[in-house]
Amino acid sequence: MESLTHINEEGYAKMVDVSEKEETIREAIAKGSIYMNRNTIMAIVEGKIKKGDVLSVAQIGGIMGAKSTSDIIPMCHNINIYGADLDFHVDENNSKIDIIATVRTVGVTGVEMEALTSVSIAALTIYDMCKAIDKEMVISDIHLVKKTGGRSGDFYFNKGIICS
């Protein structure tokens, strides 16, 4: 097993020094879901949520989350994000919204945490906008789907989940 990279010789937390790493194009895709009551899904689809257009606000929230990752995750590097986008798939049959975030940069460290944070913040934004009518929403299955670039190579989640 490899040693932990975020622990110094004294056993304390540290931020990894990436100054010697080579810049490469890096992309990460993360996915998650928020489950809700059928009435809530229909209110979102029909534009009847009093706080506004839920998915538009969640889109902005997710992008802001990606850009703010290093402010809320202690050991994340502050990196330049060159692209961040979210897709929302409303699944009325299963009363859920799937959220897929794609984040890109050119740099010395990856954007996995930014993609995961983007999905998380988008889901939390949906929850915040709809909590007045549905406090039983469940945010789940947030995970990295794909990561490309960097010394460790590419990663593809292989649990049968299709990335779109």
N, C-alpha and C. Protein backbone atom coordinates (compact mmCIF):
# COMPACT_ATOMS: atom_id res chain seq x y z
N MET A 1 0.84 -1.18 0.00
CA MET A 1 0.00 0.00 0.00
C MET A 1 0.88 1.24 0.00
N GLU A 2 0.52 2.23 -0.80
CA GLU A 2 1.27 3.47 -0.88
C GLU A 2 1.06 4.29 0.39
N SER A 3 2.06 5.13 0.71
CA SER A 3 1.93 6.00 1.87
C SER A 3 0.97 7.14 1.54
N LEU A 4 0.41 7.71 2.57
CA LEU A 4 -0.52 8.82 2.39
C LEU A 4 0.26 10.08 2.01
N THR A 5 -0.19 10.76 0.98
CA THR A 5 0.54 11.93 0.48
C THR A 5 0.24 13.20 1.26
N HIS A 6 -0.80 13.20 2.05
CA HIS A 6 -1.18 14.41 2.77
C HIS A 6 -0.76 14.37 4.25
N ILE A 7 0.23 13.53 4.56
CA ILE A 7 0.74 13.42 5.93
C ILE A 7 2.24 13.68 5.89
N ASN A 8 2.71 14.58 6.76
CA ASN A 8 4.15 14.87 6.78
C ASN A 8 4.89 13.85 7.66
N GLU A 9 6.20 14.01 7.78
CA GLU A 9 7.03 13.06 8.52
C GLU A 9 6.66 12.98 10.00
N GLU A 10 6.10 14.05 10.53
CA GLU A 10 5.69 14.07 11.93
C GLU A 10 4.28 13.52 12.13
N GLY A 11 3.60 13.16 11.05
CA GLY A 11 2.26 12.61 11.14
C GLY A 11 1.14 13.63 11.07
N TYR A 12 1.48 14.88 10.75
CA TYR A 12 0.47 15.93 10.65
C TYR A 12 0.05 16.14 9.20
N ALA A 13 -1.11 16.73 9.03
CA ALA A 13 -1.63 17.01 7.69
C ALA A 13 -0.76 18.04 6.99
N LYS A 14 -0.62 17.87 5.69
CA LYS A 14 0.09 18.84 4.86
C LYS A 14 -0.57 18.93 3.50
N MET A 15 -0.32 20.01 2.82
CA MET A 15 -0.75 20.14 1.43
C MET A 15 0.40 19.62 0.57
N VAL A 16 0.10 18.74 -0.37
CA VAL A 16 1.11 18.14 -1.23
C VAL A 16 1.75 19.20 -2.11
N ASP A 17 3.07 19.14 -2.25
CA ASP A 17 3.80 20.05 -3.13
C ASP A 17 3.74 19.50 -4.55
N VAL A 18 3.08 20.23 -5.44
CA VAL A 18 2.95 19.79 -6.83
C VAL A 18 3.80 20.63 -7.78
N SER A 19 4.73 21.40 -7.23
CA SER A 19 5.50 22.33 -8.05
C SER A 19 6.39 21.64 -9.09
N GLU A 20 6.73 20.39 -8.89
CA GLU A 20 7.60 19.67 -9.82
C GLU A 20 6.81 18.87 -10.87
N LYS A 21 5.50 18.87 -10.77
CA LYS A 21 4.68 18.09 -11.71
C LYS A 21 4.53 18.81 -13.04
N GLU A 22 4.31 18.03 -14.07
CA GLU A 22 4.15 18.57 -15.42
C GLU A 22 2.70 18.98 -15.67
N GLU A 23 2.55 20.10 -16.36
CA GLU A 23 1.20 20.54 -16.73
C GLU A 23 0.65 19.65 -17.83
N THR A 24 -0.59 19.23 -17.67
CA THR A 24 -1.29 18.46 -18.70
C THR A 24 -2.75 18.93 -18.72
N ILE A 25 -3.45 18.58 -19.80
CA ILE A 25 -4.89 18.81 -19.86
C ILE A 25 -5.54 17.80 -18.93
N ARG A 26 -6.39 18.28 -18.05
CA ARG A 26 -7.03 17.41 -17.07
C ARG A 26 -8.54 17.63 -17.10
N GLU A 27 -9.25 16.54 -17.01
CA GLU A 27 -10.72 16.60 -17.01
C GLU A 27 -11.23 15.61 -15.98
N ALA A 28 -12.30 15.99 -15.32
CA ALA A 28 -12.97 15.09 -14.39
C ALA A 28 -14.48 15.21 -14.59
N ILE A 29 -15.14 14.07 -14.52
CA ILE A 29 -16.60 14.02 -14.60
C ILE A 29 -17.10 13.33 -13.34
N ALA A 30 -18.05 13.95 -12.67
CA ALA A 30 -18.66 13.38 -11.48
C ALA A 30 -20.17 13.34 -11.66
N LYS A 31 -20.79 12.44 -10.92
CA LYS A 31 -22.24 12.26 -11.04
C LYS A 31 -22.84 12.05 -9.66
N GLY A 32 -24.08 12.47 -9.51
CA GLY A 32 -24.84 12.23 -8.29
C GLY A 32 -26.32 12.37 -8.59
N SER A 33 -27.13 12.05 -7.61
CA SER A 33 -28.59 12.11 -7.80
C SER A 33 -29.24 12.74 -6.58
N ILE A 34 -30.39 13.36 -6.82
CA ILE A 34 -31.24 13.82 -5.73
C ILE A 34 -32.64 13.26 -5.97
N TYR A 35 -33.11 12.50 -5.01
CA TYR A 35 -34.43 11.87 -5.07
C TYR A 35 -35.42 12.75 -4.33
N MET A 36 -36.65 12.80 -4.82
CA MET A 36 -37.66 13.66 -4.22
C MET A 36 -39.05 13.10 -4.49
N ASN A 37 -40.03 13.71 -3.83
CA ASN A 37 -41.41 13.31 -4.06
C ASN A 37 -41.82 13.63 -5.49
N ARG A 38 -42.74 12.88 -6.01
CA ARG A 38 -43.21 13.10 -7.39
C ARG A 38 -43.75 14.52 -7.58
N ASN A 39 -44.47 15.02 -6.59
CA ASN A 39 -45.01 16.39 -6.69
C ASN A 39 -43.89 17.42 -6.83
N THR A 40 -42.77 17.17 -6.19
CA THR A 40 -41.64 18.10 -6.27
C THR A 40 -41.04 18.08 -7.67
N ILE A 41 -40.86 16.88 -8.22
CA ILE A 41 -40.34 16.77 -9.59
C ILE A 41 -41.26 17.52 -10.55
N MET A 42 -42.55 17.32 -10.40
CA MET A 42 -43.50 17.96 -11.31
C MET A 42 -43.47 19.49 -11.14
N ALA A 43 -43.32 19.97 -9.92
CA ALA A 43 -43.24 21.42 -9.68
C ALA A 43 -41.99 22.01 -10.34
N ILE A 44 -40.88 21.27 -10.31
CA ILE A 44 -39.65 21.73 -10.97
C ILE A 44 -39.87 21.78 -12.48
N VAL A 45 -40.39 20.68 -13.04
CA VAL A 45 -40.60 20.58 -14.49
C VAL A 45 -41.57 21.67 -14.97
N GLU A 46 -42.61 21.93 -14.19
CA GLU A 46 -43.63 22.91 -14.58
C GLU A 46 -43.27 24.34 -14.18
N GLY A 47 -42.11 24.54 -13.57
CA GLY A 47 -41.68 25.88 -13.20
C GLY A 47 -42.49 26.50 -12.08
N LYS A 48 -42.95 25.69 -11.14
CA LYS A 48 -43.82 26.18 -10.07
C LYS A 48 -43.13 26.32 -8.72
N ILE A 49 -41.81 26.28 -8.70
CA ILE A 49 -41.09 26.48 -7.44
C ILE A 49 -40.96 27.99 -7.22
N LYS A 50 -41.42 28.45 -6.06
CA LYS A 50 -41.51 29.90 -5.80
C LYS A 50 -40.15 30.61 -5.85
N LYS A 51 -39.07 29.90 -5.55
CA LYS A 51 -37.75 30.54 -5.53
C LYS A 51 -37.19 30.76 -6.93
N GLY A 52 -37.82 30.16 -7.95
CA GLY A 52 -37.36 30.39 -9.32
C GLY A 52 -37.04 29.12 -10.08
N ASP A 53 -36.30 29.29 -11.16
CA ASP A 53 -35.92 28.18 -12.05
C ASP A 53 -34.85 27.34 -11.37
N VAL A 54 -35.26 26.22 -10.82
CA VAL A 54 -34.41 25.39 -9.97
C VAL A 54 -33.14 24.95 -10.70
N LEU A 55 -33.27 24.42 -11.89
CA LEU A 55 -32.10 23.87 -12.57
C LEU A 55 -31.14 24.96 -13.05
N SER A 56 -31.66 26.13 -13.40
CA SER A 56 -30.77 27.23 -13.77
C SER A 56 -29.95 27.70 -12.58
N VAL A 57 -30.60 27.81 -11.44
CA VAL A 57 -29.89 28.23 -10.24
C VAL A 57 -28.90 27.14 -9.80
N ALA A 58 -29.30 25.87 -9.91
CA ALA A 58 -28.39 24.77 -9.56
C ALA A 58 -27.18 24.74 -10.49
N GLN A 59 -27.39 25.08 -11.75
CA GLN A 59 -26.29 25.17 -12.72
C GLN A 59 -25.25 26.19 -12.25
N ILE A 60 -25.73 27.36 -11.88
CA ILE A 60 -24.83 28.42 -11.40
C ILE A 60 -24.17 28.00 -10.08
N GLY A 61 -24.96 27.42 -9.19
CA GLY A 61 -24.41 26.96 -7.92
C GLY A 61 -23.32 25.92 -8.11
N GLY A 62 -23.54 24.97 -9.03
CA GLY A 62 -22.54 23.94 -9.30
C GLY A 62 -21.25 24.52 -9.85
N ILE A 63 -21.37 25.49 -10.74
CA ILE A 63 -20.17 26.13 -11.29
C ILE A 63 -19.44 26.90 -10.19
N MET A 64 -20.19 27.63 -9.36
CA MET A 64 -19.57 28.34 -8.24
C MET A 64 -18.90 27.37 -7.28
N GLY A 65 -19.53 26.22 -7.06
CA GLY A 65 -18.93 25.20 -6.18
C GLY A 65 -17.60 24.70 -6.72
N ALA A 66 -17.55 24.44 -8.02
CA ALA A 66 -16.30 23.99 -8.64
C ALA A 66 -15.21 25.03 -8.43
N LYS A 67 -15.56 26.30 -8.64
CA LYS A 67 -14.58 27.38 -8.53
C LYS A 67 -14.14 27.63 -7.08
N SER A 68 -14.93 27.21 -6.11
CA SER A 68 -14.65 27.48 -4.70
C SER A 68 -14.13 26.27 -3.94
N THR A 69 -13.83 25.20 -4.63
CA THR A 69 -13.47 23.95 -3.96
C THR A 69 -12.32 24.11 -2.97
N SER A 70 -11.27 24.81 -3.36
CA SER A 70 -10.12 24.94 -2.47
C SER A 70 -10.45 25.75 -1.21
N ASP A 71 -11.53 26.50 -1.22
CA ASP A 71 -11.94 27.26 -0.04
C ASP A 71 -12.63 26.38 1.01
N ILE A 72 -13.17 25.23 0.58
CA ILE A 72 -13.94 24.41 1.52
C ILE A 72 -13.37 23.01 1.75
N ILE A 73 -12.45 22.56 0.90
CA ILE A 73 -11.79 21.26 1.08
C ILE A 73 -10.36 21.56 1.52
N PRO A 74 -9.99 21.22 2.74
CA PRO A 74 -8.74 21.71 3.32
C PRO A 74 -7.46 21.49 2.52
N MET A 75 -7.25 20.36 1.90
CA MET A 75 -5.97 20.10 1.25
C MET A 75 -6.01 20.28 -0.28
N CYS A 76 -7.09 20.81 -0.81
CA CYS A 76 -7.18 21.04 -2.25
C CYS A 76 -6.36 22.25 -2.65
N HIS A 77 -5.69 22.13 -3.79
CA HIS A 77 -4.93 23.24 -4.33
C HIS A 77 -5.89 24.24 -4.99
N ASN A 78 -5.52 25.49 -4.92
CA ASN A 78 -6.26 26.54 -5.61
C ASN A 78 -5.82 26.50 -7.07
N ILE A 79 -6.69 26.05 -7.96
CA ILE A 79 -6.30 25.89 -9.37
C ILE A 79 -7.20 26.70 -10.28
N ASN A 80 -6.68 26.99 -11.45
CA ASN A 80 -7.48 27.67 -12.47
C ASN A 80 -8.37 26.65 -13.17
N ILE A 81 -9.64 26.92 -13.19
CA ILE A 81 -10.58 26.06 -13.90
C ILE A 81 -10.84 26.70 -15.26
N TYR A 82 -10.64 25.93 -16.31
CA TYR A 82 -10.82 26.45 -17.67
C TYR A 82 -12.20 26.14 -18.22
N GLY A 83 -12.91 25.22 -17.60
CA GLY A 83 -14.26 24.91 -18.04
C GLY A 83 -15.01 24.15 -16.97
N ALA A 84 -16.28 24.48 -16.79
CA ALA A 84 -17.15 23.76 -15.85
C ALA A 84 -18.55 23.78 -16.43
N ASP A 85 -19.16 22.60 -16.51
CA ASP A 85 -20.51 22.50 -17.06
C ASP A 85 -21.25 21.41 -16.31
N LEU A 86 -22.56 21.55 -16.23
CA LEU A 86 -23.40 20.56 -15.58
C LEU A 86 -24.53 20.17 -16.50
N ASP A 87 -24.91 18.92 -16.43
CA ASP A 87 -26.09 18.40 -17.12
C ASP A 87 -27.03 17.85 -16.07
N PHE A 88 -28.32 18.06 -16.28
CA PHE A 88 -29.34 17.57 -15.38
C PHE A 88 -30.27 16.65 -16.17
N HIS A 89 -30.52 15.48 -15.65
CA HIS A 89 -31.44 14.54 -16.29
C HIS A 89 -32.60 14.31 -15.32
N VAL A 90 -33.75 14.85 -15.66
CA VAL A 90 -34.94 14.68 -14.83
C VAL A 90 -35.56 13.33 -15.15
N ASP A 91 -35.65 12.48 -14.15
CA ASP A 91 -36.21 11.14 -14.28
C ASP A 91 -37.52 11.11 -13.50
N GLU A 92 -38.61 11.44 -14.19
CA GLU A 92 -39.91 11.51 -13.53
C GLU A 92 -40.35 10.15 -13.01
N ASN A 93 -40.02 9.08 -13.74
CA ASN A 93 -40.44 7.73 -13.32
C ASN A 93 -39.84 7.32 -11.97
N ASN A 94 -38.61 7.72 -11.71
CA ASN A 94 -37.94 7.37 -10.47
C ASN A 94 -37.86 8.53 -9.49
N SER A 95 -38.55 9.63 -9.80
CA SER A 95 -38.60 10.82 -8.95
C SER A 95 -37.21 11.28 -8.51
N LYS A 96 -36.34 11.47 -9.50
CA LYS A 96 -34.99 11.93 -9.16
C LYS A 96 -34.45 12.81 -10.28
N ILE A 97 -33.43 13.55 -9.94
CA ILE A 97 -32.67 14.32 -10.91
C ILE A 97 -31.23 13.84 -10.82
N ASP A 98 -30.68 13.38 -11.93
CA ASP A 98 -29.27 13.02 -12.00
C ASP A 98 -28.49 14.27 -12.40
N ILE A 99 -27.37 14.47 -11.75
CA ILE A 99 -26.52 15.64 -11.98
C ILE A 99 -25.17 15.14 -12.45
N ILE A 100 -24.69 15.65 -13.57
CA ILE A 100 -23.37 15.29 -14.09
C ILE A 100 -22.58 16.58 -14.28
N ALA A 101 -21.41 16.64 -13.65
CA ALA A 101 -20.53 17.81 -13.75
C ALA A 101 -19.26 17.42 -14.49
N THR A 102 -18.83 18.29 -15.40
CA THR A 102 -17.58 18.13 -16.12
C THR A 102 -16.73 19.37 -15.87
N VAL A 103 -15.50 19.15 -15.42
CA VAL A 103 -14.59 20.25 -15.11
C VAL A 103 -13.28 20.00 -15.82
N ARG A 104 -12.70 21.07 -16.41
CA ARG A 104 -11.43 20.96 -17.16
C ARG A 104 -10.46 22.04 -16.74
N THR A 105 -9.19 21.69 -16.86
CA THR A 105 -8.10 22.63 -16.63
C THR A 105 -6.87 22.18 -17.38
N VAL A 106 -5.88 23.03 -17.43
CA VAL A 106 -4.52 22.67 -17.82
C VAL A 106 -3.68 23.01 -16.61
N GLY A 107 -3.09 22.00 -16.01
CA GLY A 107 -2.35 22.28 -14.79
C GLY A 107 -1.57 21.10 -14.29
N VAL A 108 -1.08 21.24 -13.05
CA VAL A 108 -0.23 20.22 -12.44
C VAL A 108 -0.99 19.31 -11.48
N THR A 109 -2.26 19.59 -11.28
CA THR A 109 -3.07 18.73 -10.41
C THR A 109 -4.47 18.63 -11.00
N GLY A 110 -5.15 17.55 -10.65
CA GLY A 110 -6.43 17.24 -11.26
C GLY A 110 -7.60 18.03 -10.71
N VAL A 111 -8.76 17.82 -11.34
CA VAL A 111 -9.98 18.55 -10.97
C VAL A 111 -11.08 17.60 -10.48
N GLU A 112 -10.68 16.45 -9.94
CA GLU A 112 -11.67 15.51 -9.42
C GLU A 112 -12.51 16.13 -8.30
N MET A 113 -11.83 16.78 -7.36
CA MET A 113 -12.55 17.36 -6.23
C MET A 113 -13.47 18.48 -6.69
N GLU A 114 -13.06 19.22 -7.71
CA GLU A 114 -13.90 20.29 -8.24
C GLU A 114 -15.16 19.73 -8.87
N ALA A 115 -15.04 18.62 -9.60
CA ALA A 115 -16.22 17.99 -10.22
C ALA A 115 -17.15 17.43 -9.14
N LEU A 116 -16.58 16.78 -8.14
CA LEU A 116 -17.40 16.23 -7.05
C LEU A 116 -18.08 17.34 -6.25
N THR A 117 -17.37 18.42 -6.01
CA THR A 117 -17.96 19.56 -5.29
C THR A 117 -19.06 20.20 -6.12
N SER A 118 -18.84 20.29 -7.42
CA SER A 118 -19.84 20.86 -8.31
C SER A 118 -21.17 20.10 -8.22
N VAL A 119 -21.09 18.78 -8.29
CA VAL A 119 -22.30 17.95 -8.18
C VAL A 119 -22.95 18.15 -6.81
N SER A 120 -22.13 18.14 -5.77
CA SER A 120 -22.66 18.28 -4.41
C SER A 120 -23.38 19.60 -4.21
N ILE A 121 -22.78 20.69 -4.67
CA ILE A 121 -23.38 22.01 -4.49
C ILE A 121 -24.64 22.15 -5.35
N ALA A 122 -24.63 21.60 -6.56
CA ALA A 122 -25.83 21.63 -7.39
C ALA A 122 -26.97 20.89 -6.69
N ALA A 123 -26.68 19.72 -6.13
CA ALA A 123 -27.72 18.95 -5.42
C ALA A 123 -28.21 19.71 -4.19
N LEU A 124 -27.30 20.31 -3.45
CA LEU A 124 -27.70 21.09 -2.28
C LEU A 124 -28.52 22.32 -2.67
N THR A 125 -28.22 22.89 -3.82
CA THR A 125 -28.99 24.03 -4.31
C THR A 125 -30.41 23.61 -4.64
N ILE A 126 -30.55 22.45 -5.29
CA ILE A 126 -31.89 21.93 -5.59
C ILE A 126 -32.65 21.70 -4.27
N TYR A 127 -31.97 21.10 -3.31
CA TYR A 127 -32.59 20.86 -2.01
C TYR A 127 -33.06 22.19 -1.40
N ASP A 128 -32.17 23.17 -1.39
CA ASP A 128 -32.51 24.47 -0.79
C ASP A 128 -33.72 25.11 -1.47
N MET A 129 -33.78 25.02 -2.78
CA MET A 129 -34.87 25.67 -3.52
C MET A 129 -36.20 24.96 -3.35
N CYS A 130 -36.15 23.67 -3.00
CA CYS A 130 -37.39 22.87 -2.94
C CYS A 130 -37.78 22.45 -1.52
N LYS A 131 -36.97 22.78 -0.53
CA LYS A 131 -37.21 22.27 0.82
C LYS A 131 -38.53 22.73 1.43
N ALA A 132 -39.07 23.83 0.94
CA ALA A 132 -40.35 24.31 1.48
C ALA A 132 -41.48 23.33 1.18
N ILE A 133 -41.37 22.59 0.09
CA ILE A 133 -42.43 21.64 -0.26
C ILE A 133 -42.02 20.18 -0.06
N ASP A 134 -40.71 19.93 0.18
CA ASP A 134 -40.25 18.53 0.29
C ASP A 134 -38.97 18.47 1.12
N LYS A 135 -39.12 18.14 2.39
CA LYS A 135 -37.95 18.02 3.26
C LYS A 135 -37.38 16.61 3.27
N GLU A 136 -37.98 15.69 2.52
CA GLU A 136 -37.52 14.31 2.50
C GLU A 136 -36.65 13.99 1.28
N MET A 137 -36.14 15.00 0.61
CA MET A 137 -35.25 14.74 -0.52
C MET A 137 -33.99 14.05 -0.02
N VAL A 138 -33.44 13.18 -0.88
CA VAL A 138 -32.23 12.44 -0.53
C VAL A 138 -31.19 12.66 -1.62
N ILE A 139 -30.03 13.13 -1.20
CA ILE A 139 -28.89 13.30 -2.11
C ILE A 139 -28.04 12.05 -1.97
N SER A 140 -27.71 11.41 -3.11
CA SER A 140 -26.96 10.15 -3.01
C SER A 140 -26.10 9.89 -4.23
N ASP A 141 -25.28 8.86 -4.10
CA ASP A 141 -24.50 8.28 -5.20
C ASP A 141 -23.53 9.26 -5.84
N ILE A 142 -23.02 10.22 -5.08
CA ILE A 142 -22.04 11.15 -5.65
C ILE A 142 -20.72 10.41 -5.79
N HIS A 143 -20.20 10.41 -7.02
CA HIS A 143 -18.95 9.67 -7.27
C HIS A 143 -18.25 10.20 -8.52
N LEU A 144 -16.98 9.89 -8.59
CA LEU A 144 -16.18 10.23 -9.77
C LEU A 144 -16.47 9.21 -10.85
N VAL A 145 -16.79 9.69 -12.03
CA VAL A 145 -17.09 8.82 -13.17
C VAL A 145 -15.87 8.65 -14.06
N LYS A 146 -15.12 9.74 -14.24
CA LYS A 146 -13.99 9.71 -15.17
C LYS A 146 -12.99 10.78 -14.77
N LYS A 147 -11.71 10.46 -14.95
CA LYS A 147 -10.64 11.41 -14.74
C LYS A 147 -9.58 11.16 -15.79
N THR A 148 -9.16 12.21 -16.49
CA THR A 148 -8.10 12.05 -17.49
C THR A 148 -7.02 13.08 -17.23
N GLY A 149 -5.80 12.72 -17.65
CA GLY A 149 -4.65 13.59 -17.51
C GLY A 149 -3.87 13.31 -16.25
N GLY A 150 -2.63 13.72 -16.27
CA GLY A 150 -1.80 13.59 -15.08
C GLY A 150 -0.98 12.32 -15.04
N ARG A 151 -0.06 12.28 -14.09
CA ARG A 151 0.89 11.18 -13.94
C ARG A 151 0.23 9.85 -13.60
N SER A 152 -0.85 9.89 -12.83
CA SER A 152 -1.50 8.63 -12.42
C SER A 152 -2.33 8.01 -13.53
N GLY A 153 -2.50 8.71 -14.64
CA GLY A 153 -3.23 8.16 -15.77
C GLY A 153 -4.73 8.38 -15.68
N ASP A 154 -5.43 7.75 -16.59
CA ASP A 154 -6.88 7.92 -16.68
C ASP A 154 -7.59 6.96 -15.73
N PHE A 155 -8.77 7.36 -15.30
CA PHE A 155 -9.61 6.55 -14.42
C PHE A 155 -11.02 6.56 -14.99
N TYR A 156 -11.64 5.39 -15.01
CA TYR A 156 -13.04 5.25 -15.44
C TYR A 156 -13.76 4.40 -14.40
N PHE A 157 -14.83 4.93 -13.85
CA PHE A 157 -15.63 4.19 -12.88
C PHE A 157 -16.24 2.99 -13.58
N ASN A 158 -16.12 1.82 -13.02
CA ASN A 158 -16.55 0.62 -13.74
C ASN A 158 -17.67 -0.14 -13.03
N LYS A 159 -18.54 0.54 -12.40
CA LYS A 159 -19.67 -0.12 -11.71
C LYS A 159 -20.92 -0.13 -12.56
N GLY A 160 -20.78 -0.08 -13.87
CA GLY A 160 -21.93 -0.17 -14.77
C GLY A 160 -22.66 1.14 -14.98
N ILE A 161 -22.10 2.23 -14.49
CA ILE A 161 -22.74 3.53 -14.67
C ILE A 161 -22.20 4.14 -15.94
N ILE A 162 -23.08 4.54 -16.81
CA ILE A 162 -22.69 5.11 -18.10
C ILE A 162 -22.58 6.62 -17.96
N CYS A 163 -21.48 7.14 -18.38
CA CYS A 163 -21.24 8.58 -18.34
C CYS A 163 -21.74 9.17 -19.66
N SER A 164 -22.53 10.22 -19.56
CA SER A 164 -23.01 10.84 -20.79
C SER A 164 -22.54 12.26 -20.90
